[in-house]
Each structure stands twice: as structure tokens, then as C-alpha cells.
Amino acid sequence: ALSAKPRVVVASNIEKYLDEKELKTMFGVWRMTVS
């Protein structure tokens, strides 16, 4: 989803298969790409 360096990312149901640590890591990466 991030490979093309898009302006918008839409996501759904990601918490279904990820634990809290994995979610926080993902959000950390998102904050980097948002910036």
C-alpha cells in the first residue's frame, strides 16, 4: 500500500490480525510517511 508513495492510504480491519505491538509499529511507519 505504501510502495508507490501515495498521497492517500485507505485501510480497513487491520486490527483483526495484528497485535498491539504490531499496530503501534505500523502507526509509527505511517507517521514517518505522512511527514
Full PDB file with SEQRES, HELIX, SHEET, SSBOND, CRYST1, ORIGX, SCALE, CONECT and MASTER records, all heavy atoms in Angstrom:
SEQRES   1 A   35  ALA LEU SER ALA LYS PRO ARG VAL VAL VAL ALA SER ASN          
SEQRES   2 A   35  ILE GLU LYS TYR LEU ASP GLU LYS GLU LEU LYS THR MET          
SEQRES   3 A   35  PHE GLY VAL TRP ARG MET THR VAL SER                          
HELIX    1 AA1 ILE A   14  LYS A   16  5                                   3    
HELIX    2 AA2 GLU A   20  VAL A   34  1                                  15    
CRYST1    1.000    1.000    1.000  90.00  90.00  90.00 P 1           1          
ORIGX1      1.000000  0.000000  0.000000        0.00000                         
ORIGX2      0.000000  1.000000  0.000000        0.00000                         
ORIGX3      0.000000  0.000000  1.000000        0.00000                         
SCALE1      1.000000  0.000000  0.000000        0.00000                         
SCALE2      0.000000  1.000000  0.000000        0.00000                         
SCALE3      0.000000  0.000000  1.000000        0.00000                         
ATOM      1  N   ALA A   1       0.814  -1.214   0.000  1.00  0.00           N  
ATOM      2  CA  ALA A   1       0.000   0.000   0.000  1.00  0.00           C  
ATOM      3  C   ALA A   1       0.852   1.270   0.000  1.00  0.00           C  
ATOM      4  O   ALA A   1       0.431   2.311  -0.511  1.00  0.00           O  
ATOM      5  CB  ALA A   1      -0.930   0.003   1.208  1.00  0.00           C  
ATOM      6  N   LEU A   2       2.057   1.183   0.564  1.00  0.00           N  
ATOM      7  CA  LEU A   2       2.923   2.360   0.652  1.00  0.00           C  
ATOM      8  C   LEU A   2       4.001   2.409  -0.433  1.00  0.00           C  
ATOM      9  O   LEU A   2       4.704   3.414  -0.562  1.00  0.00           O  
ATOM     10  CB  LEU A   2       3.609   2.395   2.026  1.00  0.00           C  
ATOM     11  CG  LEU A   2       2.712   2.680   3.236  1.00  0.00           C  
ATOM     12  CD1 LEU A   2       3.523   2.561   4.526  1.00  0.00           C  
ATOM     13  CD2 LEU A   2       2.069   4.043   3.138  1.00  0.00           C  
ATOM     14  N   SER A   3       4.131   1.345  -1.210  1.00  0.00           N  
ATOM     15  CA  SER A   3       5.261   1.208  -2.128  1.00  0.00           C  
ATOM     16  C   SER A   3       5.319   2.283  -3.213  1.00  0.00           C  
ATOM     17  O   SER A   3       6.400   2.653  -3.677  1.00  0.00           O  
ATOM     18  CB  SER A   3       5.252  -0.177  -2.786  1.00  0.00           C  
ATOM     19  OG  SER A   3       4.066  -0.362  -3.552  1.00  0.00           O  
ATOM     20  N   ALA A   4       4.160   2.825  -3.621  1.00  0.00           N  
ATOM     21  CA  ALA A   4       4.128   3.856  -4.666  1.00  0.00           C  
ATOM     22  C   ALA A   4       4.204   5.271  -4.079  1.00  0.00           C  
ATOM     23  O   ALA A   4       4.078   6.247  -4.806  1.00  0.00           O  
ATOM     24  CB  ALA A   4       2.860   3.717  -5.511  1.00  0.00           C  
ATOM     25  N   LYS A   5       4.396   5.364  -2.754  1.00  0.00           N  
ATOM     26  CA  LYS A   5       4.434   6.660  -2.062  1.00  0.00           C  
ATOM     27  C   LYS A   5       3.167   7.470  -2.359  1.00  0.00           C  
ATOM     28  O   LYS A   5       3.218   8.598  -2.844  1.00  0.00           O  
ATOM     29  CB  LYS A   5       5.693   7.444  -2.456  1.00  0.00           C  
ATOM     30  CG  LYS A   5       6.976   6.672  -2.176  1.00  0.00           C  
ATOM     31  CD  LYS A   5       8.201   7.303  -2.802  1.00  0.00           C  
ATOM     32  CE  LYS A   5       9.418   6.409  -2.615  1.00  0.00           C  
ATOM     33  NZ  LYS A   5      10.616   6.901  -3.319  1.00  0.00           N  
ATOM     34  N   PRO A   6       1.997   6.883  -2.077  1.00  0.00           N  
ATOM     35  CA  PRO A   6       0.723   7.505  -2.443  1.00  0.00           C  
ATOM     36  C   PRO A   6       0.407   8.718  -1.579  1.00  0.00           C  
ATOM     37  O   PRO A   6       0.968   8.894  -0.498  1.00  0.00           O  
ATOM     38  CB  PRO A   6      -0.288   6.384  -2.192  1.00  0.00           C  
ATOM     39  CG  PRO A   6       0.325   5.604  -1.066  1.00  0.00           C  
ATOM     40  CD  PRO A   6       1.792   5.621  -1.339  1.00  0.00           C  
ATOM     41  N   ARG A   7      -0.517   9.552  -2.050  1.00  0.00           N  
ATOM     42  CA  ARG A   7      -0.980  10.683  -1.254  1.00  0.00           C  
ATOM     43  C   ARG A   7      -2.038  10.256  -0.248  1.00  0.00           C  
ATOM     44  O   ARG A   7      -2.215  10.895   0.793  1.00  0.00           O  
ATOM     45  CB  ARG A   7      -1.561  11.780  -2.162  1.00  0.00           C  
ATOM     46  CG  ARG A   7      -0.532  12.543  -2.956  1.00  0.00           C  
ATOM     47  CD  ARG A   7       0.506  13.233  -2.078  1.00  0.00           C  
ATOM     48  NE  ARG A   7      -0.068  14.066  -1.012  1.00  0.00           N  
ATOM     49  CZ  ARG A   7      -0.529  15.301  -1.176  1.00  0.00           C  
ATOM     50  NH1 ARG A   7      -0.476  15.868  -2.370  1.00  0.00           N  
ATOM     51  NH2 ARG A   7      -1.021  15.985  -0.152  1.00  0.00           N  
ATOM     52  N   VAL A   8      -2.769   9.174  -0.570  1.00  0.00           N  
ATOM     53  CA  VAL A   8      -3.841   8.693   0.305  1.00  0.00           C  
ATOM     54  C   VAL A   8      -3.688   7.190   0.502  1.00  0.00           C  
ATOM     55  O   VAL A   8      -3.353   6.461  -0.440  1.00  0.00           O  
ATOM     56  CB  VAL A   8      -5.229   8.999  -0.314  1.00  0.00           C  
ATOM     57  CG1 VAL A   8      -6.342   8.309   0.476  1.00  0.00           C  
ATOM     58  CG2 VAL A   8      -5.474  10.504  -0.383  1.00  0.00           C  
ATOM     59  N   VAL A   9      -3.921   6.747   1.737  1.00  0.00           N  
ATOM     60  CA  VAL A   9      -3.997   5.314   2.024  1.00  0.00           C  
ATOM     61  C   VAL A   9      -5.323   5.059   2.728  1.00  0.00           C  
ATOM     62  O   VAL A   9      -5.682   5.776   3.674  1.00  0.00           O  
ATOM     63  CB  VAL A   9      -2.839   4.841   2.931  1.00  0.00           C  
ATOM     64  CG1 VAL A   9      -3.018   3.367   3.291  1.00  0.00           C  
ATOM     65  CG2 VAL A   9      -1.493   5.067   2.254  1.00  0.00           C  
ATOM     66  N   VAL A  10      -6.074   4.062   2.265  1.00  0.00           N  
ATOM     67  CA  VAL A  10      -7.302   3.651   2.954  1.00  0.00           C  
ATOM     68  C   VAL A  10      -7.081   2.254   3.515  1.00  0.00           C  
ATOM     69  O   VAL A  10      -6.499   1.390   2.863  1.00  0.00           O  
ATOM     70  CB  VAL A  10      -8.538   3.690   2.026  1.00  0.00           C  
ATOM     71  CG1 VAL A  10      -8.850   5.132   1.632  1.00  0.00           C  
ATOM     72  CG2 VAL A  10      -8.339   2.840   0.772  1.00  0.00           C  
ATOM     73  N   ALA A  11      -7.539   2.050   4.755  1.00  0.00           N  
ATOM     74  CA  ALA A  11      -7.303   0.777   5.432  1.00  0.00           C  
ATOM     75  C   ALA A  11      -8.553   0.347   6.179  1.00  0.00           C  
ATOM     76  O   ALA A  11      -9.326   1.176   6.663  1.00  0.00           O  
ATOM     77  CB  ALA A  11      -6.128   0.912   6.404  1.00  0.00           C  
ATOM     78  N   SER A  12      -8.737  -0.968   6.285  1.00  0.00           N  
ATOM     79  CA  SER A  12      -9.911  -1.494   6.989  1.00  0.00           C  
ATOM     80  C   SER A  12      -9.589  -2.850   7.609  1.00  0.00           C  
ATOM     81  O   SER A  12      -8.885  -3.671   7.004  1.00  0.00           O  
ATOM     82  CB  SER A  12     -11.085  -1.640   6.018  1.00  0.00           C  
ATOM     83  OG  SER A  12     -12.226  -2.140   6.686  1.00  0.00           O  
ATOM     84  N   ASN A  13     -10.064  -3.065   8.836  1.00  0.00           N  
ATOM     85  CA  ASN A  13      -9.951  -4.344   9.538  1.00  0.00           C  
ATOM     86  C   ASN A  13      -8.521  -4.782   9.823  1.00  0.00           C  
ATOM     87  O   ASN A  13      -8.266  -5.972  10.044  1.00  0.00           O  
ATOM     88  CB  ASN A  13     -10.663  -5.461   8.759  1.00  0.00           C  
ATOM     89  CG  ASN A  13     -12.163  -5.280   8.732  1.00  0.00           C  
ATOM     90  OD1 ASN A  13     -12.758  -4.780   9.686  1.00  0.00           O  
ATOM     91  ND2 ASN A  13     -12.785  -5.674   7.638  1.00  0.00           N  
ATOM     92  N   ILE A  14      -7.587  -3.842   9.842  1.00  0.00           N  
ATOM     93  CA  ILE A  14      -6.187  -4.232  10.047  1.00  0.00           C  
ATOM     94  C   ILE A  14      -5.943  -4.784  11.451  1.00  0.00           C  
ATOM     95  O   ILE A  14      -5.034  -5.581  11.656  1.00  0.00           O  
ATOM     96  CB  ILE A  14      -5.230  -3.065   9.760  1.00  0.00           C  
ATOM     97  CG1 ILE A  14      -5.566  -1.860  10.651  1.00  0.00           C  
ATOM     98  CG2 ILE A  14      -5.245  -2.686   8.284  1.00  0.00           C  
ATOM     99  CD1 ILE A  14      -4.547  -0.740  10.569  1.00  0.00           C  
ATOM    100  N   GLU A  15      -6.758  -4.344  12.415  1.00  0.00           N  
ATOM    101  CA  GLU A  15      -6.556  -4.783  13.795  1.00  0.00           C  
ATOM    102  C   GLU A  15      -6.952  -6.245  14.005  1.00  0.00           C  
ATOM    103  O   GLU A  15      -6.609  -6.852  15.026  1.00  0.00           O  
ATOM    104  CB  GLU A  15      -7.344  -3.886  14.767  1.00  0.00           C  
ATOM    105  CG  GLU A  15      -8.840  -4.075  14.762  1.00  0.00           C  
ATOM    106  CD  GLU A  15      -9.557  -3.336  13.639  1.00  0.00           C  
ATOM    107  OE1 GLU A  15      -8.890  -2.774  12.754  1.00  0.00           O  
ATOM    108  OE2 GLU A  15     -10.806  -3.333  13.657  1.00  0.00           O  
ATOM    109  N   LYS A  16      -7.640  -6.814  13.025  1.00  0.00           N  
ATOM    110  CA  LYS A  16      -8.165  -8.174  13.161  1.00  0.00           C  
ATOM    111  C   LYS A  16      -7.045  -9.204  13.310  1.00  0.00           C  
ATOM    112  O   LYS A  16      -7.192 -10.208  14.019  1.00  0.00           O  
ATOM    113  CB  LYS A  16      -9.026  -8.503  11.939  1.00  0.00           C  
ATOM    114  CG  LYS A  16      -9.742  -9.839  12.006  1.00  0.00           C  
ATOM    115  CD  LYS A  16     -10.655 -10.006  10.796  1.00  0.00           C  
ATOM    116  CE  LYS A  16     -11.387 -11.331  10.825  1.00  0.00           C  
ATOM    117  NZ  LYS A  16     -12.270 -11.510   9.636  1.00  0.00           N  
ATOM    118  N   TYR A  17      -5.907  -8.955  12.638  1.00  0.00           N  
ATOM    119  CA  TYR A  17      -4.834  -9.950  12.623  1.00  0.00           C  
ATOM    120  C   TYR A  17      -3.525  -9.456  13.238  1.00  0.00           C  
ATOM    121  O   TYR A  17      -2.521 -10.179  13.192  1.00  0.00           O  
ATOM    122  CB  TYR A  17      -4.562 -10.392  11.182  1.00  0.00           C  
ATOM    123  CG  TYR A  17      -5.759 -11.014  10.509  1.00  0.00           C  
ATOM    124  CD1 TYR A  17      -6.412 -10.356   9.468  1.00  0.00           C  
ATOM    125  CD2 TYR A  17      -6.246 -12.249  10.915  1.00  0.00           C  
ATOM    126  CE1 TYR A  17      -7.526 -10.917   8.856  1.00  0.00           C  
ATOM    127  CE2 TYR A  17      -7.355 -12.815  10.301  1.00  0.00           C  
ATOM    128  CZ  TYR A  17      -7.984 -12.147   9.272  1.00  0.00           C  
ATOM    129  OH  TYR A  17      -9.084 -12.703   8.674  1.00  0.00           O  
ATOM    130  N   LEU A  18      -3.519  -8.240  13.786  1.00  0.00           N  
ATOM    131  CA  LEU A  18      -2.289  -7.670  14.336  1.00  0.00           C  
ATOM    132  C   LEU A  18      -2.399  -7.497  15.842  1.00  0.00           C  
ATOM    133  O   LEU A  18      -3.445  -7.095  16.350  1.00  0.00           O  
ATOM    134  CB  LEU A  18      -1.994  -6.312  13.687  1.00  0.00           C  
ATOM    135  CG  LEU A  18      -1.834  -6.294  12.165  1.00  0.00           C  
ATOM    136  CD1 LEU A  18      -1.648  -4.861  11.684  1.00  0.00           C  
ATOM    137  CD2 LEU A  18      -0.662  -7.156  11.719  1.00  0.00           C  
ATOM    138  N   ASP A  19      -1.297  -7.755  16.550  1.00  0.00           N  
ATOM    139  CA  ASP A  19      -1.309  -7.498  17.989  1.00  0.00           C  
ATOM    140  C   ASP A  19      -0.983  -6.026  18.241  1.00  0.00           C  
ATOM    141  O   ASP A  19      -0.685  -5.268  17.306  1.00  0.00           O  
ATOM    142  CB  ASP A  19      -0.351  -8.429  18.727  1.00  0.00           C  
ATOM    143  CG  ASP A  19       1.114  -8.274  18.325  1.00  0.00           C  
ATOM    144  OD1 ASP A  19       1.517  -7.144  17.944  1.00  0.00           O  
ATOM    145  OD2 ASP A  19       1.861  -9.258  18.400  1.00  0.00           O  
ATOM    146  N   GLU A  20      -1.052  -5.611  19.493  1.00  0.00           N  
ATOM    147  CA  GLU A  20      -0.890  -4.195  19.830  1.00  0.00           C  
ATOM    148  C   GLU A  20       0.489  -3.669  19.432  1.00  0.00           C  
ATOM    149  O   GLU A  20       0.608  -2.549  18.933  1.00  0.00           O  
ATOM    150  CB  GLU A  20      -1.121  -3.982  21.328  1.00  0.00           C  
ATOM    151  CG  GLU A  20      -1.153  -2.512  21.731  1.00  0.00           C  
ATOM    152  CD  GLU A  20      -1.619  -2.310  23.163  1.00  0.00           C  
ATOM    153  OE1 GLU A  20      -1.984  -3.304  23.830  1.00  0.00           O  
ATOM    154  OE2 GLU A  20      -1.624  -1.156  23.623  1.00  0.00           O  
ATOM    155  N   LYS A  21       1.516  -4.465  19.622  1.00  0.00           N  
ATOM    156  CA  LYS A  21       2.875  -4.046  19.258  1.00  0.00           C  
ATOM    157  C   LYS A  21       2.988  -3.839  17.751  1.00  0.00           C  
ATOM    158  O   LYS A  21       3.583  -2.849  17.288  1.00  0.00           O  
ATOM    159  CB  LYS A  21       3.889  -5.088  19.723  1.00  0.00           C  
ATOM    160  CG  LYS A  21       5.331  -4.709  19.411  1.00  0.00           C  
ATOM    161  CD  LYS A  21       6.301  -5.776  19.891  1.00  0.00           C  
ATOM    162  CE  LYS A  21       7.736  -5.415  19.530  1.00  0.00           C  
ATOM    163  NZ  LYS A  21       8.693  -6.487  19.965  1.00  0.00           N  
ATOM    164  N   GLU A  22       2.421  -4.758  16.978  1.00  0.00           N  
ATOM    165  CA  GLU A  22       2.480  -4.647  15.513  1.00  0.00           C  
ATOM    166  C   GLU A  22       1.703  -3.427  15.029  1.00  0.00           C  
ATOM    167  O   GLU A  22       2.133  -2.726  14.105  1.00  0.00           O  
ATOM    168  CB  GLU A  22       1.935  -5.927  14.879  1.00  0.00           C  
ATOM    169  CG  GLU A  22       2.847  -7.131  15.077  1.00  0.00           C  
ATOM    170  CD  GLU A  22       2.167  -8.447  14.776  1.00  0.00           C  
ATOM    171  OE1 GLU A  22       0.907  -8.506  14.735  1.00  0.00           O  
ATOM    172  OE2 GLU A  22       2.875  -9.450  14.588  1.00  0.00           O  
ATOM    173  N   LEU A  23       0.559  -3.135  15.667  1.00  0.00           N  
ATOM    174  CA  LEU A  23      -0.226  -1.951  15.302  1.00  0.00           C  
ATOM    175  C   LEU A  23       0.544  -0.670  15.579  1.00  0.00           C  
ATOM    176  O   LEU A  23       0.577   0.246  14.746  1.00  0.00           O  
ATOM    177  CB  LEU A  23      -1.549  -1.936  16.072  1.00  0.00           C  
ATOM    178  CG  LEU A  23      -2.651  -2.863  15.570  1.00  0.00           C  
ATOM    179  CD1 LEU A  23      -3.787  -2.925  16.581  1.00  0.00           C  
ATOM    180  CD2 LEU A  23      -3.171  -2.416  14.214  1.00  0.00           C  
ATOM    181  N   LYS A  24       1.185  -0.597  16.735  1.00  0.00           N  
ATOM    182  CA  LYS A  24       1.958   0.599  17.079  1.00  0.00           C  
ATOM    183  C   LYS A  24       3.135   0.795  16.129  1.00  0.00           C  
ATOM    184  O   LYS A  24       3.451   1.925  15.747  1.00  0.00           O  
ATOM    185  CB  LYS A  24       2.440   0.509  18.533  1.00  0.00           C  
ATOM    186  CG  LYS A  24       1.338   0.727  19.554  1.00  0.00           C  
ATOM    187  CD  LYS A  24       1.870   0.714  20.983  1.00  0.00           C  
ATOM    188  CE  LYS A  24       0.765   1.036  21.981  1.00  0.00           C  
ATOM    189  NZ  LYS A  24       1.265   0.997  23.379  1.00  0.00           N  
ATOM    190  N   THR A  25       3.751  -0.311  15.727  1.00  0.00           N  
ATOM    191  CA  THR A  25       4.841  -0.222  14.753  1.00  0.00           C  
ATOM    192  C   THR A  25       4.335   0.322  13.426  1.00  0.00           C  
ATOM    193  O   THR A  25       4.945   1.197  12.818  1.00  0.00           O  
ATOM    194  CB  THR A  25       5.487  -1.611  14.539  1.00  0.00           C  
ATOM    195  OG1 THR A  25       6.052  -2.058  15.768  1.00  0.00           O  
ATOM    196  CG2 THR A  25       6.578  -1.543  13.481  1.00  0.00           C  
ATOM    197  N   MET A  26       3.189  -0.187  12.988  1.00  0.00           N  
ATOM    198  CA  MET A  26       2.596   0.253  11.730  1.00  0.00           C  
ATOM    199  C   MET A  26       2.265   1.746  11.773  1.00  0.00           C  
ATOM    200  O   MET A  26       2.543   2.493  10.826  1.00  0.00           O  
ATOM    201  CB  MET A  26       1.350  -0.583  11.437  1.00  0.00           C  
ATOM    202  CG  MET A  26       0.765  -0.392  10.066  1.00  0.00           C  
ATOM    203  SD  MET A  26      -0.588  -1.557   9.755  1.00  0.00           S  
ATOM    204  CE  MET A  26       0.320  -3.097   9.574  1.00  0.00           C  
ATOM    205  N   PHE A  27       1.689   2.187  12.876  1.00  0.00           N  
ATOM    206  CA  PHE A  27       1.364   3.607  13.019  1.00  0.00           C  
ATOM    207  C   PHE A  27       2.628   4.457  13.041  1.00  0.00           C  
ATOM    208  O   PHE A  27       2.639   5.586  12.532  1.00  0.00           O  
ATOM    209  CB  PHE A  27       0.529   3.841  14.279  1.00  0.00           C  
ATOM    210  CG  PHE A  27      -0.948   3.733  14.061  1.00  0.00           C  
ATOM    211  CD1 PHE A  27      -1.554   2.491  13.881  1.00  0.00           C  
ATOM    212  CD2 PHE A  27      -1.746   4.851  14.017  1.00  0.00           C  
ATOM    213  CE1 PHE A  27      -2.920   2.377  13.673  1.00  0.00           C  
ATOM    214  CE2 PHE A  27      -3.126   4.758  13.802  1.00  0.00           C  
ATOM    215  CZ  PHE A  27      -3.714   3.517  13.638  1.00  0.00           C  
ATOM    216  N   GLY A  28       3.697   3.929  13.625  1.00  0.00           N  
ATOM    217  CA  GLY A  28       4.969   4.650  13.623  1.00  0.00           C  
ATOM    218  C   GLY A  28       5.503   4.851  12.219  1.00  0.00           C  
ATOM    219  O   GLY A  28       6.004   5.943  11.877  1.00  0.00           O  
ATOM    220  N   VAL A  29       5.379   3.825  11.387  1.00  0.00           N  
ATOM    221  CA  VAL A  29       5.805   3.938   9.984  1.00  0.00           C  
ATOM    222  C   VAL A  29       4.922   4.942   9.253  1.00  0.00           C  
ATOM    223  O   VAL A  29       5.405   5.779   8.476  1.00  0.00           O  
ATOM    224  CB  VAL A  29       5.767   2.564   9.285  1.00  0.00           C  
ATOM    225  CG1 VAL A  29       6.144   2.717   7.802  1.00  0.00           C  
ATOM    226  CG2 VAL A  29       6.692   1.579   9.974  1.00  0.00           C  
ATOM    227  N   TRP A  30       3.616   4.865   9.499  1.00  0.00           N  
ATOM    228  CA  TRP A  30       2.702   5.819   8.870  1.00  0.00           C  
ATOM    229  C   TRP A  30       3.071   7.253   9.225  1.00  0.00           C  
ATOM    230  O   TRP A  30       3.042   8.134   8.373  1.00  0.00           O  
ATOM    231  CB  TRP A  30       1.266   5.534   9.290  1.00  0.00           C  
ATOM    232  CG  TRP A  30       0.536   4.624   8.372  1.00  0.00           C  
ATOM    233  CD1 TRP A  30       0.772   4.444   7.033  1.00  0.00           C  
ATOM    234  CD2 TRP A  30      -0.570   3.773   8.686  1.00  0.00           C  
ATOM    235  NE1 TRP A  30      -0.111   3.530   6.509  1.00  0.00           N  
ATOM    236  CE2 TRP A  30      -0.939   3.110   7.493  1.00  0.00           C  
ATOM    237  CE3 TRP A  30      -1.267   3.516   9.863  1.00  0.00           C  
ATOM    238  CZ2 TRP A  30      -1.992   2.196   7.447  1.00  0.00           C  
ATOM    239  CZ3 TRP A  30      -2.318   2.612   9.815  1.00  0.00           C  
ATOM    240  CH2 TRP A  30      -2.675   1.957   8.628  1.00  0.00           C  
ATOM    241  N   ARG A  31       3.423   7.498  10.469  1.00  0.00           N  
ATOM    242  CA  ARG A  31       3.772   8.865  10.863  1.00  0.00           C  
ATOM    243  C   ARG A  31       5.001   9.355  10.097  1.00  0.00           C  
ATOM    244  O   ARG A  31       5.096  10.519   9.730  1.00  0.00           O  
ATOM    245  CB  ARG A  31       4.008   8.944  12.368  1.00  0.00           C  
ATOM    246  CG  ARG A  31       2.752   8.639  13.153  1.00  0.00           C  
ATOM    247  CD  ARG A  31       2.694   9.319  14.509  1.00  0.00           C  
ATOM    248  NE  ARG A  31       1.404   9.057  15.137  1.00  0.00           N  
ATOM    249  CZ  ARG A  31       0.299   9.707  14.856  1.00  0.00           C  
ATOM    250  NH1 ARG A  31       0.309  10.673  13.950  1.00  0.00           N  
ATOM    251  NH2 ARG A  31      -0.842   9.409  15.462  1.00  0.00           N  
ATOM    252  N   MET A  32       5.917   8.442   9.833  1.00  0.00           N  
ATOM    253  CA  MET A  32       7.095   8.787   9.045  1.00  0.00           C  
ATOM    254  C   MET A  32       6.706   9.139   7.611  1.00  0.00           C  
ATOM    255  O   MET A  32       7.151  10.165   7.068  1.00  0.00           O  
ATOM    256  CB  MET A  32       8.084   7.621   9.035  1.00  0.00           C  
ATOM    257  CG  MET A  32       9.330   7.858   8.199  1.00  0.00           C  
ATOM    258  SD  MET A  32      10.252   6.331   7.880  1.00  0.00           S  
ATOM    259  CE  MET A  32       9.234   5.595   6.567  1.00  0.00           C  
ATOM    260  N   THR A  33       5.844   8.323   7.001  1.00  0.00           N  
ATOM    261  CA  THR A  33       5.479   8.565   5.597  1.00  0.00           C  
ATOM    262  C   THR A  33       4.541   9.767   5.467  1.00  0.00           C  
ATOM    263  O   THR A  33       4.601  10.490   4.475  1.00  0.00           O  
ATOM    264  CB  THR A  33       4.824   7.315   4.963  1.00  0.00           C  
ATOM    265  OG1 THR A  33       3.623   6.973   5.658  1.00  0.00           O  
ATOM    266  CG2 THR A  33       5.789   6.131   5.000  1.00  0.00           C  
ATOM    267  N   VAL A  34       3.682   9.985   6.468  1.00  0.00           N  
ATOM    268  CA  VAL A  34       2.819  11.175   6.457  1.00  0.00           C  
ATOM    269  C   VAL A  34       3.677  12.431   6.442  1.00  0.00           C  
ATOM    270  O   VAL A  34       3.428  13.375   5.684  1.00  0.00           O  
ATOM    271  CB  VAL A  34       1.871  11.178   7.679  1.00  0.00           C  
ATOM    272  CG1 VAL A  34       1.286  12.574   7.901  1.00  0.00           C  
ATOM    273  CG2 VAL A  34       0.754  10.166   7.492  1.00  0.00           C  
ATOM    274  N   SER A  35       4.700  12.447   7.286  1.00  0.00           N  
ATOM    275  CA  SER A  35       5.579  13.617   7.367  1.00  0.00           C  
ATOM    276  C   SER A  35       6.377  13.817   6.079  1.00  0.00           C  
ATOM    277  O   SER A  35       6.528  14.947   5.603  1.00  0.00           O  
ATOM    278  CB  SER A  35       6.531  13.441   8.552  1.00  0.00           C  
ATOM    279  OG  SER A  35       7.462  14.500   8.615  1.00  0.00           O  
TER     280      SER A  35                                                      
MASTER        0    0    0    2    0    0    0    6  279    1    0    3          
END                                                                             
